[in-house]
């Protein structure tokens, strides 16, 4: 598999056959092909991985080829909005051909010291896997394209003291709309979310039944996401959308339910139960149990015995 690394935005622009950026820390590009040009594009059968040292937002109308893990036919016919954080690697299987595509590339230094630098860390979609892209409805795509056109107009304008502030205002609007549209996507994909949560619980069941809790400790969100084949942020957001609770909450609830069963066994030991559930220190287990159940493990055993 070929691996391509873009160390700066100038390298990235040149790879897209676009002019060098007006600002070395920020660029916006727009490509459009007619039907004949799309038909004449030849796609390759190899996989290529890309890593960039800056943020990239791209909007593509996928015509052929696939990004790793693929798309359903429906997804391919809609605008696909992709977000990539610095040092994130994504893989393309065959060359993605788009009749129209947009991209924004900006370096961390472009937003350094500004409020948007803090806020951008809260947009989890920059760390989703590529197969967890945002698939826009036609109306949503028009909204995003309108913002991109505004950014492009300001970018191509003669740069002055207001240019950067105006560009960042439009960029933040794009991020807020993307956040809204992702929430819509989570709601629209309830069946997919439900299936992911079901698999999440099945993995926990297997982990417990094979005594891995006691041997390896409580599984991390990152480990569980890896077992599911998704990014931990996407898993976290999907589970929150489906259940109203975070992945960590779900893990803790699972541990508490298992603890209830173990504590009701004859001659149950609170310490042994804690170790069996992967807790390094019994007091951490007791604290979590009381927080979730309302009584301590000892009180829970006593109440069960009294009944």
Foldseek 3Di string as FASTA:
>chain_A
DAEEEAEWVQVVCVVVVHHGAPDRFKHKDKDAADPVVLVPDDKDQDKYKYAYQWKKKKKFQFDDFAWPPGDDPVLNRFIWIAIAGHGDMTMTGIDTGGNMMMMMTGHLVLCPPHPVNVVVVVLCRNVKHRVLIQGDDPVLVVVLVVLSVVLVVLSPDPDDPCSSVSNVVSVVVNSVSSVVSSLVVLVVPLVVLVVLVVVLVVVVVVCLVVLVCLVPNQDDLQVSCVVSVIGSSVNQVSCCSNPVDGPVVVSLVVLLVVLLVQLQPPPRDLQVSCSSRRHPDSVVVQVSNCVVPVDGSVVSNVVVVVD
